[in-house]
C-alpha atoms as a PDB file:
ATOM      1  CA  ASN A   1      -0.095   0.049  -0.115  1.00  0.00           C
ATOM      2  CA  VAL A   2       3.110   2.231  -0.564  1.00  0.00           C
ATOM      3  CA  VAL A   3       4.144   4.104  -3.861  1.00  0.00           C
ATOM      4  CA  ILE A   4       7.738   4.833  -3.966  1.00  0.00           C
ATOM      5  CA  VAL A   5       8.881   7.311  -6.243  1.00  0.00           C
ATOM      6  CA  LYS A   6      12.399   8.877  -7.102  1.00  0.00           C
ATOM      7  CA  SER A   7      11.912  12.674  -7.827  1.00  0.00           C
ATOM      8  CA  GLY A   8      15.764  13.638  -9.200  1.00  0.00           C
ATOM      9  CA  MET A   9      17.357  16.865  -8.126  1.00  0.00           C
ATOM     10  CA  GLY A  10      15.551  20.410  -8.132  1.00  0.00           C
ATOM     11  CA  LYS A  11      12.156  21.675  -7.642  1.00  0.00           C
ATOM     12  CA  VAL A  12      10.638  21.158 -11.227  1.00  0.00           C
ATOM     13  CA  LEU A  13      11.377  17.600 -11.165  1.00  0.00           C
ATOM     14  CA  ALA A  14      10.075  17.480  -7.664  1.00  0.00           C
ATOM     15  CA  ALA A  15       6.882  19.152  -8.824  1.00  0.00           C
ATOM     16  CA  SER A  16       6.706  16.744 -11.746  1.00  0.00           C
ATOM     17  CA  VAL A  17       7.064  13.525 -10.063  1.00  0.00           C
ATOM     18  CA  ALA A  18       4.880  14.633  -7.280  1.00  0.00           C
ATOM     19  CA  THR A  19       1.918  15.876  -9.757  1.00  0.00           C
ATOM     20  CA  ALA A  20       2.450  12.371 -11.671  1.00  0.00           C
ATOM     21  CA  LEU A  21       1.974  10.284  -8.272  1.00  0.00           C
ATOM     22  CA  LEU A  22      -0.680  12.240  -7.166  1.00  0.00           C
ATOM     23  CA  MET A  23      -2.745  12.242 -10.363  1.00  0.00           C
ATOM     24  CA  LYS A  24      -2.258   8.284 -11.031  1.00  0.00           C
ATOM     25  CA  TYR A  25      -2.363   6.890  -7.539  1.00  0.00           C
ATOM     26  CA  ASN A  26      -4.722   7.328  -4.872  1.00  0.00           C
ATOM     27  CA  ILE A  27      -2.512   9.031  -2.591  1.00  0.00           C
ATOM     28  CA  SER A  28      -3.695   9.624   1.190  1.00  0.00           C
ATOM     29  CA  SER A  29      -0.374  11.250   2.419  1.00  0.00           C
ATOM     30  CA  VAL A  30       2.957  12.013   1.252  1.00  0.00           C
ATOM     31  CA  MET A  31       6.274  11.412   3.095  1.00  0.00           C
ATOM     32  CA  PHE A  32       9.339  13.142   1.248  1.00  0.00           C
ATOM     33  CA  THR A  33      13.138  12.355   2.410  1.00  0.00           C
ATOM     34  CA  GLY A  34      16.583  13.103   1.192  1.00  0.00           C
ATOM     35  CA  ILE A  35      19.357  15.111   2.095  1.00  0.00           C
ATOM     36  CA  ALA A  36      20.240  18.688   2.791  1.00  0.00           C
ATOM     37  CA  GLY A  37      22.719  21.385   3.766  1.00  0.00           C
ATOM     38  CA  GLY A  38      22.529  22.425   7.634  1.00  0.00           C
ATOM     39  CA  VAL A  39      21.809  25.784   8.104  1.00  0.00           C
ATOM     40  CA  GLY A  40      20.913  26.054  11.784  1.00  0.00           C
ATOM     41  CA  ASP A  41      23.680  27.164  14.059  1.00  0.00           C
ATOM     42  CA  GLU A  42      22.651  23.750  16.205  1.00  0.00           C
ATOM     43  CA  THR A  43      22.459  21.512  13.350  1.00  0.00           C
ATOM     44  CA  LYS A  44      25.429  19.470  12.632  1.00  0.00           C
ATOM     45  CA  VAL A  45      26.377  16.764   9.607  1.00  0.00           C
ATOM     46  CA  LEU A  46      24.116  13.640   9.817  1.00  0.00           C
ATOM     47  CA  ASP A  47      21.378  15.464  12.148  1.00  0.00           C
ATOM     48  CA  ILE A  48      17.886  15.335  10.980  1.00  0.00           C
ATOM     49  CA  VAL A  49      15.241  18.313  10.554  1.00  0.00           C
ATOM     50  CA  VAL A  50      11.897  17.469  10.206  1.00  0.00           C
ATOM     51  CA  GLY A  51      10.088  20.255   8.146  1.00  0.00           C
ATOM     52  CA  GLU A  52       7.248  21.674  10.197  1.00  0.00           C
ATOM     53  CA  SER A  53       7.032  24.315   7.559  1.00  0.00           C
ATOM     54  CA  LEU A  54       9.102  25.081   3.952  1.00  0.00           C
ATOM     55  CA  VAL A  55       9.526  27.960   1.718  1.00  0.00           C
ATOM     56  CA  GLN A  56      10.868  28.610  -1.618  1.00  0.00           C
ATOM     57  CA  SER A  57      13.938  30.623  -0.787  1.00  0.00           C
ATOM     58  CA  ASP A  58      14.923  31.553  -4.349  1.00  0.00           C
ATOM     59  CA  TYR A  59      11.510  32.875  -4.965  1.00  0.00           C
ATOM     60  CA  GLY A  60      11.456  36.761  -5.448  1.00  0.00           C
ATOM     61  CA  ILE A  61      12.806  39.548  -7.871  1.00  0.00           C
ATOM     62  CA  MET A  62      16.855  39.715  -9.151  1.00  0.00           C
ATOM     63  CA  SER A  63      17.521  43.518  -9.763  1.00  0.00           C
ATOM     64  CA  LYS A  64      20.562  45.610 -10.047  1.00  0.00           C
ATOM     65  CA  ASP A  65      20.639  45.875  -6.189  1.00  0.00           C
ATOM     66  CA  GLY A  66      20.920  41.706  -6.188  1.00  0.00           C
ATOM     67  CA  PHE A  67      18.147  39.403  -4.894  1.00  0.00           C
ATOM     68  CA  GLN A  68      15.410  40.192  -2.863  1.00  0.00           C
ATOM     69  CA  TRP A  69      13.108  37.468  -1.738  1.00  0.00           C
ATOM     70  CA  SER A  70       9.328  38.596  -2.268  1.00  0.00           C
ATOM     71  CA  THR A  71       5.855  36.871  -2.755  1.00  0.00           C
ATOM     72  CA  ARG A  72       4.911  39.812  -4.733  1.00  0.00           C
ATOM     73  CA  TYR A  73       4.061  37.449  -7.785  1.00  0.00           C
ATOM     74  CA  SER A  74       3.238  34.178  -5.924  1.00  0.00           C
ATOM     75  CA  THR A  75      -0.517  32.989  -5.700  1.00  0.00           C
ATOM     76  CA  ASP A  76       0.479  30.555  -2.815  1.00  0.00           C
ATOM     77  CA  GLY A  77       2.727  32.643  -0.865  1.00  0.00           C
ATOM     78  CA  ALA A  78       5.810  30.471  -1.367  1.00  0.00           C
ATOM     79  CA  ARG A  79       5.597  29.171   2.094  1.00  0.00           C
ATOM     80  CA  TYR A  80       3.957  25.988   3.146  1.00  0.00           C
ATOM     81  CA  LYS A  81       2.808  24.043   6.431  1.00  0.00           C
ATOM     82  CA  SER A  82       3.335  20.444   6.771  1.00  0.00           C
ATOM     83  CA  ASP A  83       0.781  18.114   8.306  1.00  0.00           C
ATOM     84  CA  LYS A  84       1.153  18.371  12.080  1.00  0.00           C
ATOM     85  CA  LYS A  85       0.203  14.736  12.554  1.00  0.00           C
ATOM     86  CA  LEU A  86       2.864  13.528  10.036  1.00  0.00           C
ATOM     87  CA  VAL A  87       5.641  15.808  11.609  1.00  0.00           C
ATOM     88  CA  GLU A  88       4.779  14.242  15.110  1.00  0.00           C
ATOM     89  CA  ILE A  89       5.106  10.660  13.544  1.00  0.00           C
ATOM     90  CA  VAL A  90       8.217  11.350  11.841  1.00  0.00           C
ATOM     91  CA  TYR A  91       9.753  13.237  14.557  1.00  0.00           C
ATOM     92  CA  GLU A  92       9.152  10.248  16.785  1.00  0.00           C
ATOM     93  CA  ALA A  93      10.569   7.848  14.308  1.00  0.00           C
ATOM     94  CA  ALA A  94      13.712  10.200  14.118  1.00  0.00           C
ATOM     95  CA  VAL A  95      14.187  10.011  17.756  1.00  0.00           C
ATOM     96  CA  GLU A  96      14.085   6.207  17.825  1.00  0.00           C
ATOM     97  CA  VAL A  97      16.513   5.719  15.238  1.00  0.00           C
ATOM     98  CA  SER A  98      18.694   8.455  15.520  1.00  0.00           C
ATOM     99  CA  GLY A  99      18.451   9.955  19.353  1.00  0.00           C
ATOM    100  CA  LYS A 100      16.745  13.269  20.344  1.00  0.00           C
ATOM    101  CA  SER A 101      19.867  15.387  20.621  1.00  0.00           C
ATOM    102  CA  GLY A 102      20.461  15.227  16.619  1.00  0.00           C
ATOM    103  CA  VAL A 103      16.737  15.832  15.518  1.00  0.00           C
ATOM    104  CA  PHE A 104      15.122  19.093  14.713  1.00  0.00           C
ATOM    105  CA  LYS A 105      11.779  20.268  13.871  1.00  0.00           C
ATOM    106  CA  GLY A 106      11.734  23.675  11.933  1.00  0.00           C
ATOM    107  CA  LEU A 107      11.570  25.581   8.663  1.00  0.00           C
ATOM    108  CA  ILE A 108      13.504  24.013   5.381  1.00  0.00           C
ATOM    109  CA  ALA A 109      14.262  26.226   2.572  1.00  0.00           C
ATOM    110  CA  SER A 110      14.111  25.262  -1.071  1.00  0.00           C
ATOM    111  CA  GLY A 111      15.907  26.705  -3.811  1.00  0.00           C
ATOM    112  CA  ASP A 112      17.474  25.492  -7.221  1.00  0.00           C
ATOM    113  CA  GLN A 113      21.027  25.632  -6.089  1.00  0.00           C
ATOM    114  CA  PHE A 114      23.763  23.544  -4.360  1.00  0.00           C
ATOM    115  CA  VAL A 115      24.496  25.660  -1.516  1.00  0.00           C
ATOM    116  CA  ALA A 116      28.241  26.172  -0.706  1.00  0.00           C
ATOM    117  CA  SER A 117      28.240  29.510   0.764  1.00  0.00           C
ATOM    118  CA  GLU A 118      28.565  30.796   4.453  1.00  0.00           C
ATOM    119  CA  GLU A 119      27.103  34.238   3.201  1.00  0.00           C
ATOM    120  CA  TYR A 120      23.960  32.584   1.963  1.00  0.00           C
ATOM    121  CA  VAL A 121      23.310  30.284   4.781  1.00  0.00           C
ATOM    122  CA  VAL A 122      23.374  33.626   6.839  1.00  0.00           C
ATOM    123  CA  PHE A 123      20.695  34.796   4.573  1.00  0.00           C
ATOM    124  CA  LEU A 124      18.700  31.878   4.838  1.00  0.00           C
ATOM    125  CA  ARG A 125      18.879  31.705   8.943  1.00  0.00           C
ATOM    126  CA  ARG A 126      18.144  35.731   8.814  1.00  0.00           C
ATOM    127  CA  GLU A 127      15.435  35.846   6.319  1.00  0.00           C
ATOM    128  CA  PHE A 128      13.591  32.370   7.278  1.00  0.00           C
ATOM    129  CA  GLY A 129      14.871  31.204  10.445  1.00  0.00           C
ATOM    130  CA  ALA A 130      16.061  27.898   8.258  1.00  0.00           C
ATOM    131  CA  LEU A 131      17.529  24.933   9.907  1.00  0.00           C
ATOM    132  CA  ALA A 132      18.427  23.380   6.509  1.00  0.00           C
ATOM    133  CA  CYS A 133      18.274  23.914   2.812  1.00  0.00           C
ATOM    134  CA  GLU A 134      17.794  21.709  -0.149  1.00  0.00           C
ATOM    135  CA  MET A 135      16.475  21.551  -3.722  1.00  0.00           C
ATOM    136  CA  GLU A 136      12.894  19.975  -3.808  1.00  0.00           C
ATOM    137  CA  GLY A 137      11.093  19.970  -0.614  1.00  0.00           C
ATOM    138  CA  ALA A 138       9.082  23.384  -1.060  1.00  0.00           C
ATOM    139  CA  ALA A 139       7.936  22.196  -4.662  1.00  0.00           C
ATOM    140  CA  LEU A 140       6.408  19.098  -3.424  1.00  0.00           C
ATOM    141  CA  ALA A 141       4.715  20.814  -0.832  1.00  0.00           C
ATOM    142  CA  SER A 142       3.163  23.420  -3.191  1.00  0.00           C
ATOM    143  CA  VAL A 143       1.829  20.400  -5.174  1.00  0.00           C
ATOM    144  CA  CYS A 144       0.300  18.445  -2.456  1.00  0.00           C
ATOM    145  CA  SER A 145      -1.039  21.902  -0.932  1.00  0.00           C
ATOM    146  CA  LEU A 146      -2.756  22.194  -4.533  1.00  0.00           C
ATOM    147  CA  PHE A 147      -3.821  18.792  -4.261  1.00  0.00           C
ATOM    148  CA  LYS A 148      -5.187  19.111  -0.460  1.00  0.00           C
ATOM    149  CA  ILE A 149      -2.818  16.224   0.270  1.00  0.00           C
ATOM    150  CA  PRO A 150      -1.085  16.135   3.738  1.00  0.00           C
ATOM    151  CA  PHE A 151       2.693  16.084   3.517  1.00  0.00           C
ATOM    152  CA  VAL A 152       5.757  16.109   5.435  1.00  0.00           C
ATOM    153  CA  VAL A 153       9.448  16.422   4.594  1.00  0.00           C
ATOM    154  CA  LEU A 154      12.484  14.552   6.290  1.00  0.00           C
ATOM    155  CA  ARG A 155      16.106  15.702   5.835  1.00  0.00           C
ATOM    156  CA  THR A 156      19.252  14.498   6.902  1.00  0.00           C
ATOM    157  CA  MET A 157      22.264  16.546   6.859  1.00  0.00           C
ATOM    158  CA  SER A 158      24.960  15.715   4.282  1.00  0.00           C
ATOM    159  CA  ASP A 159      26.958  18.835   4.979  1.00  0.00           C
ATOM    160  CA  LYS A 160      26.781  22.323   6.451  1.00  0.00           C
ATOM    161  CA  ALA A 161      26.420  24.393   3.211  1.00  0.00           C
ATOM    162  CA  ASP A 162      29.482  25.992   3.639  1.00  0.00           C
ATOM    163  CA  GLY A 163      32.556  26.092   1.763  1.00  0.00           C
ATOM    164  CA  LYS A 164      33.540  22.457   2.697  1.00  0.00           C
ATOM    165  CA  ALA A 165      30.053  21.333   1.377  1.00  0.00           C
ATOM    166  CA  HIS A 166      31.104  19.723  -1.709  1.00  0.00           C
ATOM    167  CA  GLU A 167      33.535  17.407   0.483  1.00  0.00           C
ATOM    168  CA  SER A 168      30.939  16.643   3.095  1.00  0.00           C
ATOM    169  CA  PHE A 169      28.459  15.799   0.737  1.00  0.00           C
ATOM    170  CA  ALA A 170      30.603  13.326  -1.401  1.00  0.00           C
ATOM    171  CA  ALA A 171      31.803  11.616   1.781  1.00  0.00           C
ATOM    172  CA  LEU A 172      28.507  11.397   3.460  1.00  0.00           C
ATOM    173  CA  ILE A 173      25.680  11.348   1.230  1.00  0.00           C
ATOM    174  CA  ASP A 174      25.099   7.560   1.407  1.00  0.00           C
ATOM    175  CA  LYS A 175      25.325   7.341   4.929  1.00  0.00           C
ATOM    176  CA  ALA A 176      22.938  10.530   5.445  1.00  0.00           C
ATOM    177  CA  ALA A 177      20.367   8.791   2.693  1.00  0.00           C
ATOM    178  CA  ASP A 178      20.535   5.454   4.681  1.00  0.00           C
ATOM    179  CA  LYS A 179      19.676   7.217   7.720  1.00  0.00           C
ATOM    180  CA  SER A 180      16.672   9.013   6.135  1.00  0.00           C
ATOM    181  CA  CYS A 181      15.504   5.664   4.795  1.00  0.00           C
ATOM    182  CA  SER A 182      15.450   3.745   8.295  1.00  0.00           C
ATOM    183  CA  ILE A 183      13.662   6.890   9.480  1.00  0.00           C
ATOM    184  CA  ILE A 184      11.050   6.776   6.862  1.00  0.00           C
ATOM    185  CA  LEU A 185      10.330   2.829   7.368  1.00  0.00           C
ATOM    186  CA  LYS A 186       9.915   3.231  11.020  1.00  0.00           C
ATOM    187  CA  ALA A 187       7.520   6.174  10.400  1.00  0.00           C
ATOM    188  CA  LEU A 188       5.417   3.813   7.761  1.00  0.00           C
ATOM    189  CA  ASP A 189       5.166   1.428  10.473  1.00  0.00           C
ATOM    190  CA  LYS A 190       3.902   3.640  12.929  1.00  0.00           C
ATOM    191  CA  LEU A 191       1.384   4.921  10.299  1.00  0.00           C
ATOM    192  CA  LYS A 192       0.457   1.293   9.579  1.00  0.00           C
ATOM    193  CA  ARG A 193      -0.475   0.486  13.219  1.00  0.00           C
ATOM    194  CA  ILE A 194      -2.637   3.901  13.287  1.00  0.00           C
ATOM    195  CA  HIS A 195      -4.658   2.796  10.364  1.00  0.00           C
END
């Protein structure tokens, strides 16, 4: 009773796959997982962030003065709330797999770029209060919101989105992905017991 799909990288692929999934199957809820860059001061590599909310951090206006985040042309505000019940289920699963000290709930920023810049991390933290950044979650959230399907996004930190992000990402991508997978399997087991 579970449909598994792989979106690929970026907001376009995530939105396309989410739309195809929701059009083809009778989906009751969506759990989305993968890796991310740690943005919060408190997050470390291989920590977990369960997205209570998501934002399209690259949505805005680029002018001669640089980039300014803005929802001026957005119909949905470029911000999305995860389903509270799913957040709690996934958070509990993450704590069971990883221990409480490395698991966080908060905002995940999505944008179509691999972040390896301390300066941009400061922007994401200051502008949104983000704990993690990645390239797909808010796009999936947008589609789920349009279809009125409950969703949650879970990310394991593969790097700190800083100047060493490429090295950390390459070294830890498999370990981070395995951790995410273990948490989702545990969360699915918890969901099965509820239904």
